[in-house]
Amino acid sequence: TDEMVEKAVIDQLAPICAAQFLKEPNEAAQLKILKEKSSWKRSEFVEAKGWATMPGSKSPVSGVARECARQLIALKK
């Protein structure tokens, strides 16, 4: 189904988003800011920073920012 395909894409791309975040020179400060955001604002923050935009793309992939934010919040930093 379309939902299964979308979930599979998100599951594949969210780790790339997280890896792009981890390349940030000030990632600890960015993680602190992300954690301070309300849960519904976190995906907007991730999108605005460009982490959910895949290499070669011009815009974020739908749903990736939300899952990426969830993974980043779960980091033990």
Protein backbone atom coordinates (compact mmCIF):
# COMPACT_ATOMS: atom_id res chain seq x y z
CA THR A 1 0.00 0.00 0.00
CA ASP A 2 0.99 3.65 -0.29
CA GLU A 3 1.34 3.95 3.49
CA MET A 4 3.79 1.04 3.59
CA VAL A 5 5.85 2.58 0.80
CA GLU A 6 5.89 5.96 2.53
CA LYS A 7 6.96 4.37 5.83
CA ALA A 8 9.72 2.44 4.08
CA VAL A 9 11.03 5.63 2.45
CA ILE A 10 10.92 7.51 5.75
CA ASP A 11 12.67 4.64 7.54
CA GLN A 12 15.46 4.74 4.93
CA LEU A 13 15.88 8.52 4.80
CA ALA A 14 15.55 9.49 8.48
CA PRO A 15 19.00 8.06 9.35
CA ILE A 16 20.49 10.15 6.51
CA CYS A 17 18.80 13.20 8.00
CA ALA A 18 20.29 12.35 11.41
CA ALA A 19 23.73 11.86 9.85
CA GLN A 20 23.47 15.27 8.19
CA PHE A 21 22.63 16.73 11.60
CA LEU A 22 25.65 15.03 13.19
CA LYS A 23 27.94 16.74 10.65
CA GLU A 24 26.95 20.14 12.04
CA PRO A 25 29.93 21.86 13.68
CA ASN A 26 27.71 22.93 16.58
CA GLU A 27 25.51 19.86 16.77
CA ALA A 28 25.37 19.80 20.59
CA ALA A 29 23.93 23.32 20.66
CA GLN A 30 21.52 22.45 17.83
CA LEU A 31 20.37 19.34 19.70
CA LYS A 32 19.71 21.44 22.79
CA ILE A 33 17.59 23.84 20.74
CA LEU A 34 15.73 20.93 19.14
CA LYS A 35 14.96 19.39 22.53
CA GLU A 36 13.61 22.73 23.78
CA LYS A 37 11.10 22.90 20.91
CA SER A 38 7.58 21.59 21.40
CA SER A 39 7.09 18.20 19.77
CA TRP A 40 5.06 19.62 16.87
CA LYS A 41 7.69 22.31 16.14
CA ARG A 42 10.64 19.91 15.99
CA SER A 43 10.01 18.74 12.43
CA GLU A 44 9.74 22.36 11.27
CA PHE A 45 13.12 23.06 12.89
CA VAL A 46 14.71 20.03 11.21
CA GLU A 47 13.28 21.07 7.84
CA ALA A 48 14.40 24.69 8.27
CA LYS A 49 17.96 23.57 9.02
CA GLY A 50 17.99 21.48 5.83
CA TRP A 51 18.72 18.15 7.47
CA ALA A 52 15.58 16.50 6.00
CA THR A 53 16.51 17.62 2.50
CA MET A 54 18.32 14.76 0.86
CA PRO A 55 21.49 15.34 -1.15
CA GLY A 56 20.52 16.37 -4.66
CA SER A 57 17.02 17.48 -3.59
CA LYS A 58 15.71 21.02 -3.27
CA SER A 59 13.13 20.38 -0.57
CA PRO A 60 12.63 18.06 2.40
CA VAL A 61 11.02 14.68 1.93
CA SER A 62 7.57 14.48 3.52
CA GLY A 63 7.59 12.77 6.91
CA VAL A 64 11.36 12.47 7.16
CA ALA A 65 11.78 15.52 9.42
CA ARG A 66 9.34 14.16 11.99
CA GLU A 67 11.09 10.77 12.21
CA CYS A 68 14.51 12.40 12.09
CA ALA A 69 13.59 14.69 15.00
CA ARG A 70 12.36 11.66 16.94
CA GLN A 71 15.67 9.87 16.36
CA LEU A 72 17.70 12.94 17.30
CA ILE A 73 15.75 13.46 20.53
CA ALA A 74 16.51 9.84 21.42
CA LEU A 75 20.28 10.43 21.11
CA LYS A 76 22.16 10.00 24.37
CA LYS A 77 24.08 13.28 24.30
